[in-house]
Amino acid sequence: MSWRSRALEVAEELLRRHRGFVVSRRDGFVVVKLEVGGETWLVWVRSGPVTRRALELFERMVRGHEYDRLVLLKASDAADHVSFRRLAERGIEVMTLGEFP
């Protein structure tokens, strides 16, 4: 299974479990907006590693959206090219599939 199809599969499952909508289905940028516990979560489902360029594009993509939490949901164990600190500085929480409600 490709990284993109894995991310789409995870996003579809999230949309079955939570009220929400698809923001993007682009390769590497599978993003959904969900209502979780009364909050609006913008969730970037990523199967591959996050590169600096991908992070920049993601930030531009979500700039116009309102949300309470911004989450990078890791759908694989691929190591990111950016640091956890860099993600945290941008307000992005990193979660694994097992940690997501």
N, C-alpha and C. Protein backbone atom coordinates (compact mmCIF):
# COMPACT_ATOMS: atom_id res chain seq x y z
N MET A 1 0.86 -1.18 0.00
CA MET A 1 0.00 0.00 0.00
C MET A 1 0.90 1.24 0.00
N SER A 2 0.55 2.19 -0.84
CA SER A 2 1.35 3.41 -0.92
C SER A 2 1.11 4.29 0.30
N TRP A 3 2.03 5.21 0.55
CA TRP A 3 1.89 6.14 1.68
C TRP A 3 0.63 6.97 1.52
N ARG A 4 0.34 7.42 0.29
CA ARG A 4 -0.83 8.26 0.06
C ARG A 4 -2.11 7.48 0.35
N SER A 5 -2.19 6.24 -0.14
CA SER A 5 -3.42 5.47 0.08
C SER A 5 -3.59 5.16 1.56
N ARG A 6 -2.52 4.97 2.30
CA ARG A 6 -2.62 4.74 3.74
C ARG A 6 -3.16 5.98 4.43
N ALA A 7 -2.68 7.15 4.06
CA ALA A 7 -3.17 8.39 4.66
C ALA A 7 -4.64 8.60 4.34
N LEU A 8 -5.06 8.31 3.10
CA LEU A 8 -6.47 8.44 2.73
C LEU A 8 -7.34 7.47 3.51
N GLU A 9 -6.85 6.26 3.69
CA GLU A 9 -7.58 5.25 4.46
C GLU A 9 -7.80 5.72 5.90
N VAL A 10 -6.76 6.26 6.51
CA VAL A 10 -6.86 6.76 7.89
C VAL A 10 -7.83 7.94 7.95
N ALA A 11 -7.74 8.86 6.99
CA ALA A 11 -8.63 10.03 6.97
C ALA A 11 -10.09 9.60 6.84
N GLU A 12 -10.36 8.63 5.99
CA GLU A 12 -11.73 8.13 5.83
C GLU A 12 -12.25 7.53 7.12
N GLU A 13 -11.39 6.82 7.84
CA GLU A 13 -11.79 6.25 9.13
C GLU A 13 -12.10 7.35 10.14
N LEU A 14 -11.28 8.39 10.17
CA LEU A 14 -11.54 9.52 11.08
C LEU A 14 -12.88 10.17 10.78
N LEU A 15 -13.20 10.31 9.50
CA LEU A 15 -14.48 10.92 9.10
C LEU A 15 -15.67 10.03 9.44
N ARG A 16 -15.46 8.73 9.55
CA ARG A 16 -16.54 7.83 10.00
C ARG A 16 -16.77 7.97 11.51
N ARG A 17 -15.69 8.26 12.25
CA ARG A 17 -15.78 8.33 13.72
C ARG A 17 -16.12 9.71 14.25
N HIS A 18 -15.84 10.75 13.48
CA HIS A 18 -16.05 12.13 13.93
C HIS A 18 -16.79 12.92 12.85
N ARG A 19 -17.52 13.93 13.28
CA ARG A 19 -18.13 14.84 12.31
C ARG A 19 -17.02 15.68 11.71
N GLY A 20 -17.01 15.81 10.38
CA GLY A 20 -15.96 16.60 9.77
C GLY A 20 -16.01 16.59 8.26
N PHE A 21 -14.98 17.20 7.68
CA PHE A 21 -14.91 17.40 6.24
C PHE A 21 -13.47 17.29 5.76
N VAL A 22 -13.32 16.99 4.48
CA VAL A 22 -12.00 16.91 3.86
C VAL A 22 -11.54 18.31 3.47
N VAL A 23 -10.34 18.67 3.86
CA VAL A 23 -9.72 19.93 3.45
C VAL A 23 -8.88 19.69 2.20
N SER A 24 -8.15 18.57 2.18
CA SER A 24 -7.27 18.27 1.05
C SER A 24 -7.06 16.76 0.93
N ARG A 25 -7.00 16.30 -0.32
CA ARG A 25 -6.66 14.91 -0.62
C ARG A 25 -5.36 14.83 -1.43
N ARG A 26 -4.68 15.95 -1.54
CA ARG A 26 -3.45 15.99 -2.34
C ARG A 26 -2.42 15.01 -1.80
N ASP A 27 -1.59 14.52 -2.68
CA ASP A 27 -0.52 13.61 -2.29
C ASP A 27 0.35 14.27 -1.22
N GLY A 28 0.44 13.65 -0.06
CA GLY A 28 1.25 14.18 1.04
C GLY A 28 0.53 15.20 1.89
N PHE A 29 -0.64 15.62 1.45
CA PHE A 29 -1.40 16.64 2.18
C PHE A 29 -2.84 16.20 2.36
N VAL A 30 -3.01 15.06 3.00
CA VAL A 30 -4.35 14.59 3.34
C VAL A 30 -4.70 15.27 4.66
N VAL A 31 -5.67 16.19 4.59
CA VAL A 31 -6.03 17.02 5.74
C VAL A 31 -7.54 16.97 5.92
N VAL A 32 -7.97 16.75 7.17
CA VAL A 32 -9.39 16.77 7.50
C VAL A 32 -9.63 17.74 8.65
N LYS A 33 -10.82 18.32 8.65
CA LYS A 33 -11.25 19.21 9.74
C LYS A 33 -12.33 18.45 10.49
N LEU A 34 -12.10 18.22 11.78
CA LEU A 34 -12.99 17.37 12.58
C LEU A 34 -13.48 18.10 13.82
N GLU A 35 -14.65 17.69 14.29
CA GLU A 35 -15.12 18.12 15.60
C GLU A 35 -14.79 17.01 16.59
N VAL A 36 -13.93 17.30 17.54
CA VAL A 36 -13.49 16.32 18.53
C VAL A 36 -13.69 16.93 19.91
N GLY A 37 -14.59 16.35 20.69
CA GLY A 37 -14.82 16.85 22.04
C GLY A 37 -15.24 18.31 22.10
N GLY A 38 -16.02 18.75 21.12
CA GLY A 38 -16.48 20.13 21.10
C GLY A 38 -15.48 21.13 20.54
N GLU A 39 -14.32 20.66 20.12
CA GLU A 39 -13.29 21.52 19.52
C GLU A 39 -13.17 21.22 18.03
N THR A 40 -12.66 22.19 17.30
CA THR A 40 -12.37 21.99 15.88
C THR A 40 -10.89 21.64 15.74
N TRP A 41 -10.64 20.46 15.22
CA TRP A 41 -9.27 19.99 15.01
C TRP A 41 -8.99 19.96 13.51
N LEU A 42 -7.85 20.50 13.12
CA LEU A 42 -7.36 20.36 11.76
C LEU A 42 -6.28 19.29 11.83
N VAL A 43 -6.50 18.19 11.11
CA VAL A 43 -5.63 17.02 11.24
C VAL A 43 -4.94 16.73 9.90
N TRP A 44 -3.62 16.77 9.93
CA TRP A 44 -2.79 16.43 8.77
C TRP A 44 -2.40 14.97 8.94
N VAL A 45 -2.95 14.10 8.10
CA VAL A 45 -2.64 12.67 8.16
C VAL A 45 -1.45 12.44 7.24
N ARG A 46 -0.36 12.03 7.81
CA ARG A 46 0.88 11.91 7.05
C ARG A 46 1.46 10.51 7.22
N SER A 47 1.68 9.82 6.09
CA SER A 47 2.28 8.49 6.14
C SER A 47 3.78 8.54 5.93
N GLY A 48 4.24 9.50 5.18
CA GLY A 48 5.67 9.64 4.92
C GLY A 48 6.29 10.64 5.87
N PRO A 49 7.60 10.80 5.78
CA PRO A 49 8.28 11.76 6.65
C PRO A 49 7.92 13.20 6.28
N VAL A 50 7.89 14.08 7.27
CA VAL A 50 7.62 15.50 7.05
C VAL A 50 8.95 16.19 6.74
N THR A 51 9.01 16.82 5.58
CA THR A 51 10.20 17.58 5.18
C THR A 51 9.96 19.06 5.46
N ARG A 52 11.00 19.85 5.40
CA ARG A 52 10.84 21.30 5.59
C ARG A 52 9.89 21.89 4.56
N ARG A 53 10.05 21.47 3.32
CA ARG A 53 9.19 21.98 2.23
C ARG A 53 7.73 21.58 2.46
N ALA A 54 7.49 20.34 2.85
CA ALA A 54 6.12 19.89 3.12
C ALA A 54 5.50 20.71 4.25
N LEU A 55 6.28 21.00 5.27
CA LEU A 55 5.78 21.80 6.39
C LEU A 55 5.40 23.21 5.93
N GLU A 56 6.23 23.81 5.09
CA GLU A 56 5.93 25.15 4.56
C GLU A 56 4.64 25.14 3.74
N LEU A 57 4.48 24.15 2.88
CA LEU A 57 3.27 24.05 2.06
C LEU A 57 2.04 23.81 2.92
N PHE A 58 2.17 22.97 3.92
CA PHE A 58 1.05 22.70 4.82
C PHE A 58 0.62 23.98 5.54
N GLU A 59 1.58 24.74 6.02
CA GLU A 59 1.24 25.98 6.72
C GLU A 59 0.50 26.95 5.81
N ARG A 60 0.89 27.02 4.55
CA ARG A 60 0.17 27.89 3.60
C ARG A 60 -1.24 27.36 3.33
N MET A 61 -1.37 26.04 3.27
CA MET A 61 -2.65 25.42 2.97
C MET A 61 -3.68 25.69 4.07
N VAL A 62 -3.26 25.69 5.32
CA VAL A 62 -4.21 25.81 6.43
C VAL A 62 -4.37 27.24 6.93
N ARG A 63 -3.65 28.16 6.36
CA ARG A 63 -3.64 29.55 6.83
C ARG A 63 -5.05 30.15 6.93
N GLY A 64 -5.94 29.85 6.02
CA GLY A 64 -7.27 30.46 6.02
C GLY A 64 -8.29 29.76 6.89
N HIS A 65 -7.92 28.67 7.53
CA HIS A 65 -8.86 27.89 8.33
C HIS A 65 -8.82 28.29 9.80
N GLU A 66 -9.98 28.23 10.45
CA GLU A 66 -10.05 28.41 11.90
C GLU A 66 -10.06 27.03 12.55
N TYR A 67 -9.36 26.89 13.67
CA TYR A 67 -9.30 25.61 14.38
C TYR A 67 -8.83 25.86 15.80
N ASP A 68 -9.13 24.88 16.67
CA ASP A 68 -8.67 24.95 18.06
C ASP A 68 -7.35 24.21 18.24
N ARG A 69 -7.20 23.10 17.51
CA ARG A 69 -5.97 22.31 17.61
C ARG A 69 -5.51 21.92 16.22
N LEU A 70 -4.21 21.94 16.04
CA LEU A 70 -3.58 21.55 14.78
C LEU A 70 -2.76 20.29 15.08
N VAL A 71 -3.12 19.20 14.41
CA VAL A 71 -2.53 17.90 14.74
C VAL A 71 -1.88 17.28 13.50
N LEU A 72 -0.66 16.78 13.68
CA LEU A 72 0.00 15.94 12.69
C LEU A 72 -0.22 14.51 13.15
N LEU A 73 -1.01 13.76 12.42
CA LEU A 73 -1.30 12.37 12.78
C LEU A 73 -0.39 11.46 11.96
N LYS A 74 0.54 10.82 12.64
CA LYS A 74 1.51 9.95 11.98
C LYS A 74 0.88 8.58 11.71
N ALA A 75 0.76 8.24 10.42
CA ALA A 75 0.17 6.97 10.02
C ALA A 75 1.24 5.93 9.71
N SER A 76 2.48 6.24 10.05
CA SER A 76 3.58 5.29 9.88
C SER A 76 4.66 5.64 10.89
N ASP A 77 5.71 4.84 10.90
CA ASP A 77 6.81 5.12 11.83
C ASP A 77 7.98 5.81 11.12
N ALA A 78 7.72 6.40 9.96
CA ALA A 78 8.77 7.10 9.21
C ALA A 78 9.24 8.33 9.99
N ALA A 79 10.55 8.47 10.14
CA ALA A 79 11.12 9.61 10.87
C ALA A 79 10.99 10.89 10.04
N ASP A 80 10.58 11.96 10.71
CA ASP A 80 10.45 13.25 10.03
C ASP A 80 11.81 13.91 9.84
N HIS A 81 11.91 14.77 8.85
CA HIS A 81 13.14 15.52 8.60
C HIS A 81 13.22 16.77 9.48
N VAL A 82 12.07 17.20 9.99
CA VAL A 82 12.02 18.38 10.86
C VAL A 82 11.97 17.92 12.32
N SER A 83 12.38 18.80 13.21
CA SER A 83 12.43 18.44 14.63
C SER A 83 11.06 18.57 15.29
N PHE A 84 10.89 17.86 16.39
CA PHE A 84 9.67 17.99 17.18
C PHE A 84 9.52 19.44 17.65
N ARG A 85 10.63 20.06 17.99
CA ARG A 85 10.61 21.46 18.44
C ARG A 85 10.06 22.38 17.36
N ARG A 86 10.49 22.18 16.13
CA ARG A 86 10.01 23.01 15.01
C ARG A 86 8.50 22.86 14.84
N LEU A 87 8.01 21.64 14.95
CA LEU A 87 6.56 21.41 14.85
C LEU A 87 5.83 22.09 16.01
N ALA A 88 6.37 21.93 17.22
CA ALA A 88 5.73 22.53 18.41
C ALA A 88 5.72 24.05 18.32
N GLU A 89 6.80 24.64 17.80
CA GLU A 89 6.86 26.10 17.65
C GLU A 89 5.77 26.62 16.72
N ARG A 90 5.33 25.78 15.82
CA ARG A 90 4.28 26.16 14.87
C ARG A 90 2.89 25.76 15.37
N GLY A 91 2.84 25.27 16.61
CA GLY A 91 1.56 24.91 17.21
C GLY A 91 1.01 23.58 16.74
N ILE A 92 1.87 22.74 16.18
CA ILE A 92 1.44 21.44 15.65
C ILE A 92 1.73 20.36 16.68
N GLU A 93 0.68 19.67 17.10
CA GLU A 93 0.83 18.53 18.01
C GLU A 93 1.05 17.28 17.18
N VAL A 94 1.96 16.43 17.59
CA VAL A 94 2.23 15.19 16.88
C VAL A 94 1.57 14.05 17.65
N MET A 95 0.77 13.25 16.94
CA MET A 95 0.11 12.10 17.54
C MET A 95 0.30 10.89 16.64
N THR A 96 0.29 9.72 17.27
CA THR A 96 0.27 8.47 16.52
C THR A 96 -1.18 8.00 16.43
N LEU A 97 -1.42 6.99 15.62
CA LEU A 97 -2.78 6.47 15.48
C LEU A 97 -3.34 5.99 16.82
N GLY A 98 -2.49 5.40 17.64
CA GLY A 98 -2.93 4.90 18.94
C GLY A 98 -3.28 6.00 19.93
N GLU A 99 -2.74 7.19 19.74
CA GLU A 99 -3.00 8.31 20.65
C GLU A 99 -4.23 9.13 20.26
N PHE A 100 -4.68 9.00 19.03
CA PHE A 100 -5.78 9.85 18.55
C PHE A 100 -7.11 9.36 19.12
N PRO A 101 -7.93 10.29 19.63
CA PRO A 101 -9.21 9.86 20.22
C PRO A 101 -10.20 9.33 19.19
